[in-house]
PDB file of all heavy atoms in Angstrom:
ATOM      1  N   MET A   1     -39.249  21.214  -4.356  1.00  0.00           N
ATOM      2  CA  MET A   1     -38.162  21.209  -3.376  1.00  0.00           C
ATOM      3  C   MET A   1     -36.804  21.127  -4.046  1.00  0.00           C
ATOM      4  O   MET A   1     -35.795  20.909  -3.389  1.00  0.00           O
ATOM      5  CB  MET A   1     -38.338  20.024  -2.416  1.00  0.00           C
ATOM      6  CG  MET A   1     -39.572  20.114  -1.549  1.00  0.00           C
ATOM      7  SD  MET A   1     -40.059  18.533  -0.851  1.00  0.00           S
ATOM      8  CE  MET A   1     -41.026  17.821  -2.179  1.00  0.00           C
ATOM      9  N   VAL A   2     -36.784  21.280  -5.367  1.00  0.00           N
ATOM     10  CA  VAL A   2     -35.570  21.056  -6.149  1.00  0.00           C
ATOM     11  C   VAL A   2     -34.931  22.371  -6.568  1.00  0.00           C
ATOM     12  O   VAL A   2     -33.723  22.591  -6.417  1.00  0.00           O
ATOM     13  CB  VAL A   2     -35.874  20.182  -7.389  1.00  0.00           C
ATOM     14  CG1 VAL A   2     -34.599  19.911  -8.167  1.00  0.00           C
ATOM     15  CG2 VAL A   2     -36.543  18.872  -6.973  1.00  0.00           C
ATOM     16  N   ALA A   3     -35.731  23.280  -7.139  1.00  0.00           N
ATOM     17  CA  ALA A   3     -35.257  24.583  -7.638  1.00  0.00           C
ATOM     18  C   ALA A   3     -34.181  24.381  -8.713  1.00  0.00           C
ATOM     19  O   ALA A   3     -34.267  23.461  -9.517  1.00  0.00           O
ATOM     20  CB  ALA A   3     -34.790  25.478  -6.507  1.00  0.00           C
ATOM     21  N   GLY A   4     -33.146  25.237  -8.756  1.00  0.00           N
ATOM     22  CA  GLY A   4     -32.149  25.130  -9.815  1.00  0.00           C
ATOM     23  C   GLY A   4     -32.810  25.183 -11.180  1.00  0.00           C
ATOM     24  O   GLY A   4     -33.652  26.046 -11.453  1.00  0.00           O
ATOM     25  N   ASP A   5     -32.465  24.223 -12.050  1.00  0.00           N
ATOM     26  CA  ASP A   5     -33.024  24.213 -13.400  1.00  0.00           C
ATOM     27  C   ASP A   5     -34.504  23.832 -13.437  1.00  0.00           C
ATOM     28  O   ASP A   5     -35.159  23.972 -14.474  1.00  0.00           O
ATOM     29  CB  ASP A   5     -32.217  23.269 -14.290  1.00  0.00           C
ATOM     30  CG  ASP A   5     -32.313  21.819 -13.851  1.00  0.00           C
ATOM     31  OD1 ASP A   5     -32.365  21.564 -12.622  1.00  0.00           O
ATOM     32  OD2 ASP A   5     -32.323  20.935 -14.714  1.00  0.00           O
ATOM     33  N   TYR A   6     -35.058  23.378 -12.311  1.00  0.00           N
ATOM     34  CA  TYR A   6     -36.484  23.052 -12.267  1.00  0.00           C
ATOM     35  C   TYR A   6     -37.348  24.315 -12.337  1.00  0.00           C
ATOM     36  O   TYR A   6     -38.526  24.233 -12.663  1.00  0.00           O
ATOM     37  CB  TYR A   6     -36.828  22.268 -10.997  1.00  0.00           C
ATOM     38  CG  TYR A   6     -36.719  20.767 -11.128  1.00  0.00           C
ATOM     39  CD1 TYR A   6     -35.669  20.189 -11.842  1.00  0.00           C
ATOM     40  CD2 TYR A   6     -37.640  19.914 -10.530  1.00  0.00           C
ATOM     41  CE1 TYR A   6     -35.553  18.815 -11.958  1.00  0.00           C
ATOM     42  CE2 TYR A   6     -37.540  18.537 -10.648  1.00  0.00           C
ATOM     43  CZ  TYR A   6     -36.496  17.993 -11.359  1.00  0.00           C
ATOM     44  OH  TYR A   6     -36.397  16.626 -11.465  1.00  0.00           O
ATOM     45  N   VAL A   7     -36.804  25.464 -12.012  1.00  0.00           N
ATOM     46  CA  VAL A   7     -37.601  26.688 -12.017  1.00  0.00           C
ATOM     47  C   VAL A   7     -38.184  26.942 -13.406  1.00  0.00           C
ATOM     48  O   VAL A   7     -39.403  27.117 -13.570  1.00  0.00           O
ATOM     49  CB  VAL A   7     -36.774  27.890 -11.539  1.00  0.00           C
ATOM     50  CG1 VAL A   7     -37.575  29.189 -11.696  1.00  0.00           C
ATOM     51  CG2 VAL A   7     -36.335  27.706 -10.088  1.00  0.00           C
ATOM     52  N   SER A   8     -37.322  26.936 -14.430  1.00  0.00           N
ATOM     53  CA  SER A   8     -37.811  27.183 -15.782  1.00  0.00           C
ATOM     54  C   SER A   8     -38.668  26.030 -16.293  1.00  0.00           C
ATOM     55  O   SER A   8     -39.634  26.259 -17.038  1.00  0.00           O
ATOM     56  CB  SER A   8     -36.632  27.418 -16.735  1.00  0.00           C
ATOM     57  OG  SER A   8     -35.757  26.318 -16.746  1.00  0.00           O
ATOM     58  N   ARG A   9     -38.353  24.821 -15.877  1.00  0.00           N
ATOM     59  CA  ARG A   9     -39.161  23.672 -16.316  1.00  0.00           C
ATOM     60  C   ARG A   9     -40.543  23.687 -15.675  1.00  0.00           C
ATOM     61  O   ARG A   9     -41.531  23.285 -16.292  1.00  0.00           O
ATOM     62  CB  ARG A   9     -38.418  22.375 -15.996  1.00  0.00           C
ATOM     63  CG  ARG A   9     -37.085  22.267 -16.750  1.00  0.00           C
ATOM     64  CD  ARG A   9     -36.275  21.068 -16.312  1.00  0.00           C
ATOM     65  NE  ARG A   9     -36.858  19.824 -16.793  1.00  0.00           N
ATOM     66  CZ  ARG A   9     -36.462  18.618 -16.395  1.00  0.00           C
ATOM     67  NH1 ARG A   9     -35.491  18.510 -15.487  1.00  0.00           N
ATOM     68  NH2 ARG A   9     -37.028  17.536 -16.877  1.00  0.00           N
ATOM     69  N   ASN A  10     -40.613  24.161 -14.433  1.00  0.00           N
ATOM     70  CA  ASN A  10     -41.927  24.306 -13.801  1.00  0.00           C
ATOM     71  C   ASN A  10     -42.794  25.312 -14.558  1.00  0.00           C
ATOM     72  O   ASN A  10     -43.994  25.111 -14.713  1.00  0.00           O
ATOM     73  CB  ASN A  10     -41.769  24.765 -12.345  1.00  0.00           C
ATOM     74  CG  ASN A  10     -41.271  23.676 -11.422  1.00  0.00           C
ATOM     75  OD1 ASN A  10     -41.478  22.493 -11.669  1.00  0.00           O
ATOM     76  ND2 ASN A  10     -40.605  24.068 -10.347  1.00  0.00           N
ATOM     77  N   PHE A  11     -42.178  26.409 -15.021  1.00  0.00           N
ATOM     78  CA  PHE A  11     -42.934  27.382 -15.803  1.00  0.00           C
ATOM     79  C   PHE A  11     -43.574  26.702 -17.024  1.00  0.00           C
ATOM     80  O   PHE A  11     -44.717  26.977 -17.372  1.00  0.00           O
ATOM     81  CB  PHE A  11     -42.030  28.516 -16.275  1.00  0.00           C
ATOM     82  CG  PHE A  11     -41.564  29.454 -15.195  1.00  0.00           C
ATOM     83  CD1 PHE A  11     -40.550  30.366 -15.457  1.00  0.00           C
ATOM     84  CD2 PHE A  11     -42.138  29.453 -13.935  1.00  0.00           C
ATOM     85  CE1 PHE A  11     -40.118  31.248 -14.483  1.00  0.00           C
ATOM     86  CE2 PHE A  11     -41.714  30.331 -12.948  1.00  0.00           C
ATOM     87  CZ  PHE A  11     -40.695  31.227 -13.221  1.00  0.00           C
ATOM     88  N   LYS A  12     -42.804  25.825 -17.668  1.00  0.00           N
ATOM     89  CA  LYS A  12     -43.309  25.136 -18.857  1.00  0.00           C
ATOM     90  C   LYS A  12     -44.399  24.121 -18.514  1.00  0.00           C
ATOM     91  O   LYS A  12     -45.327  23.900 -19.304  1.00  0.00           O
ATOM     92  CB  LYS A  12     -42.161  24.432 -19.573  1.00  0.00           C
ATOM     93  CG  LYS A  12     -41.109  25.379 -20.141  1.00  0.00           C
ATOM     94  CD  LYS A  12     -39.957  24.603 -20.761  1.00  0.00           C
ATOM     95  CE  LYS A  12     -38.882  25.543 -21.287  1.00  0.00           C
ATOM     96  NZ  LYS A  12     -37.718  24.794 -21.847  1.00  0.00           N
ATOM     97  N   ALA A  13     -44.294  23.497 -17.342  1.00  0.00           N
ATOM     98  CA  ALA A  13     -45.259  22.459 -16.952  1.00  0.00           C
ATOM     99  C   ALA A  13     -46.523  23.037 -16.332  1.00  0.00           C
ATOM    100  O   ALA A  13     -47.481  22.299 -16.081  1.00  0.00           O
ATOM    101  CB  ALA A  13     -44.608  21.490 -15.972  1.00  0.00           C
ATOM    102  N   ALA A  14     -46.530  24.336 -16.080  1.00  0.00           N
ATOM    103  CA  ALA A  14     -47.638  24.974 -15.369  1.00  0.00           C
ATOM    104  C   ALA A  14     -48.783  25.343 -16.296  1.00  0.00           C
ATOM    105  O   ALA A  14     -48.581  25.722 -17.455  1.00  0.00           O
ATOM    106  CB  ALA A  14     -47.141  26.230 -14.654  1.00  0.00           C
ATOM    107  N   ALA A  15     -49.977  25.256 -15.766  1.00  0.00           N
ATOM    108  CA  ALA A  15     -51.165  25.712 -16.485  1.00  0.00           C
ATOM    109  C   ALA A  15     -51.285  27.236 -16.373  1.00  0.00           C
ATOM    110  O   ALA A  15     -50.570  27.871 -15.592  1.00  0.00           O
ATOM    111  CB  ALA A  15     -52.403  25.059 -15.880  1.00  0.00           C
ATOM    112  N   PHE A  16     -52.171  27.839 -17.145  1.00  0.00           N
ATOM    113  CA  PHE A  16     -52.450  29.258 -16.992  1.00  0.00           C
ATOM    114  C   PHE A  16     -52.954  29.534 -15.576  1.00  0.00           C
ATOM    115  O   PHE A  16     -53.772  28.797 -15.042  1.00  0.00           O
ATOM    116  CB  PHE A  16     -53.490  29.715 -18.028  1.00  0.00           C
ATOM    117  CG  PHE A  16     -52.898  30.034 -19.368  1.00  0.00           C
ATOM    118  CD1 PHE A  16     -52.649  29.021 -20.297  1.00  0.00           C
ATOM    119  CD2 PHE A  16     -52.555  31.334 -19.697  1.00  0.00           C
ATOM    120  CE1 PHE A  16     -52.087  29.312 -21.521  1.00  0.00           C
ATOM    121  CE2 PHE A  16     -51.987  31.635 -20.925  1.00  0.00           C
ATOM    122  CZ  PHE A  16     -51.742  30.614 -21.844  1.00  0.00           C
ATOM    123  N   GLU A  17     -52.430  30.594 -14.979  1.00  0.00           N
ATOM    124  CA  GLU A  17     -52.776  31.021 -13.629  1.00  0.00           C
ATOM    125  C   GLU A  17     -52.441  29.969 -12.579  1.00  0.00           C
ATOM    126  O   GLU A  17     -53.067  29.906 -11.508  1.00  0.00           O
ATOM    127  CB  GLU A  17     -54.242  31.450 -13.546  1.00  0.00           C
ATOM    128  CG  GLU A  17     -54.532  32.635 -14.470  1.00  0.00           C
ATOM    129  CD  GLU A  17     -55.915  33.234 -14.269  1.00  0.00           C
ATOM    130  OE1 GLU A  17     -56.780  32.552 -13.701  1.00  0.00           O
ATOM    131  OE2 GLU A  17     -56.105  34.386 -14.701  1.00  0.00           O
ATOM    132  N   ALA A  18     -51.434  29.166 -12.876  1.00  0.00           N
ATOM    133  CA  ALA A  18     -50.969  28.177 -11.892  1.00  0.00           C
ATOM    134  C   ALA A  18     -50.219  28.853 -10.759  1.00  0.00           C
ATOM    135  O   ALA A  18     -49.734  29.988 -10.887  1.00  0.00           O
ATOM    136  CB  ALA A  18     -50.066  27.145 -12.572  1.00  0.00           C
ATOM    137  N   ARG A  19     -50.128  28.141  -9.634  1.00  0.00           N
ATOM    138  CA  ARG A  19     -49.394  28.602  -8.459  1.00  0.00           C
ATOM    139  C   ARG A  19     -48.219  27.661  -8.231  1.00  0.00           C
ATOM    140  O   ARG A  19     -48.419  26.448  -8.104  1.00  0.00           O
ATOM    141  CB  ARG A  19     -50.289  28.643  -7.224  1.00  0.00           C
ATOM    142  CG  ARG A  19     -51.402  29.688  -7.322  1.00  0.00           C
ATOM    143  CD  ARG A  19     -52.629  29.203  -8.074  1.00  0.00           C
ATOM    144  NE  ARG A  19     -53.446  28.295  -7.273  1.00  0.00           N
ATOM    145  CZ  ARG A  19     -54.358  27.483  -7.790  1.00  0.00           C
ATOM    146  NH1 ARG A  19     -54.572  27.429  -9.107  1.00  0.00           N
ATOM    147  NH2 ARG A  19     -55.071  26.701  -6.991  1.00  0.00           N
ATOM    148  N   ILE A  20     -47.024  28.222  -8.181  1.00  0.00           N
ATOM    149  CA  ILE A  20     -45.794  27.431  -8.025  1.00  0.00           C
ATOM    150  C   ILE A  20     -45.154  27.812  -6.697  1.00  0.00           C
ATOM    151  O   ILE A  20     -44.911  28.993  -6.425  1.00  0.00           O
ATOM    152  CB  ILE A  20     -44.813  27.693  -9.176  1.00  0.00           C
ATOM    153  CG1 ILE A  20     -45.476  27.379 -10.525  1.00  0.00           C
ATOM    154  CG2 ILE A  20     -43.535  26.873  -8.999  1.00  0.00           C
ATOM    155  CD1 ILE A  20     -44.666  27.842 -11.725  1.00  0.00           C
ATOM    156  N   LEU A  21     -44.871  26.813  -5.876  1.00  0.00           N
ATOM    157  CA  LEU A  21     -44.289  27.053  -4.560  1.00  0.00           C
ATOM    158  C   LEU A  21     -42.925  26.394  -4.472  1.00  0.00           C
ATOM    159  O   LEU A  21     -42.793  25.194  -4.726  1.00  0.00           O
ATOM    160  CB  LEU A  21     -45.195  26.490  -3.469  1.00  0.00           C
ATOM    161  CG  LEU A  21     -46.632  27.028  -3.497  1.00  0.00           C
ATOM    162  CD1 LEU A  21     -47.598  25.921  -3.866  1.00  0.00           C
ATOM    163  CD2 LEU A  21     -47.021  27.636  -2.171  1.00  0.00           C
ATOM    164  N   ILE A  22     -41.907  27.167  -4.111  1.00  0.00           N
ATOM    165  CA  ILE A  22     -40.561  26.639  -3.914  1.00  0.00           C
ATOM    166  C   ILE A  22     -40.264  26.658  -2.428  1.00  0.00           C
ATOM    167  O   ILE A  22     -40.294  27.720  -1.786  1.00  0.00           O
ATOM    168  CB  ILE A  22     -39.516  27.459  -4.684  1.00  0.00           C
ATOM    169  CG1 ILE A  22     -39.801  27.401  -6.185  1.00  0.00           C
ATOM    170  CG2 ILE A  22     -38.103  26.956  -4.376  1.00  0.00           C
ATOM    171  CD1 ILE A  22     -38.876  28.255  -7.032  1.00  0.00           C
ATOM    172  N   ILE A  23     -39.993  25.477  -1.848  1.00  0.00           N
ATOM    173  CA  ILE A  23     -39.778  25.395  -0.403  1.00  0.00           C
ATOM    174  C   ILE A  23     -38.395  24.862  -0.040  1.00  0.00           C
ATOM    175  O   ILE A  23     -38.067  24.759   1.145  1.00  0.00           O
ATOM    176  CB  ILE A  23     -40.872  24.540   0.274  1.00  0.00           C
ATOM    177  CG1 ILE A  23     -40.884  23.106  -0.267  1.00  0.00           C
ATOM    178  CG2 ILE A  23     -42.235  25.201   0.101  1.00  0.00           C
ATOM    179  CD1 ILE A  23     -41.781  22.176   0.529  1.00  0.00           C
ATOM    180  N   ALA A  24     -37.593  24.496  -1.035  1.00  0.00           N
ATOM    181  CA  ALA A  24     -36.217  24.040  -0.800  1.00  0.00           C
ATOM    182  C   ALA A  24     -35.491  24.112  -2.129  1.00  0.00           C
ATOM    183  O   ALA A  24     -36.103  24.379  -3.177  1.00  0.00           O
ATOM    184  CB  ALA A  24     -36.184  22.626  -0.228  1.00  0.00           C
TER     185      ALA A  24
END
């Protein structure tokens, strides 16, 4: 629900074939 700079950090924290959802 944060987005901004969290987008690239989520990519780093994600596992292979992870699903990332941005809702805010």
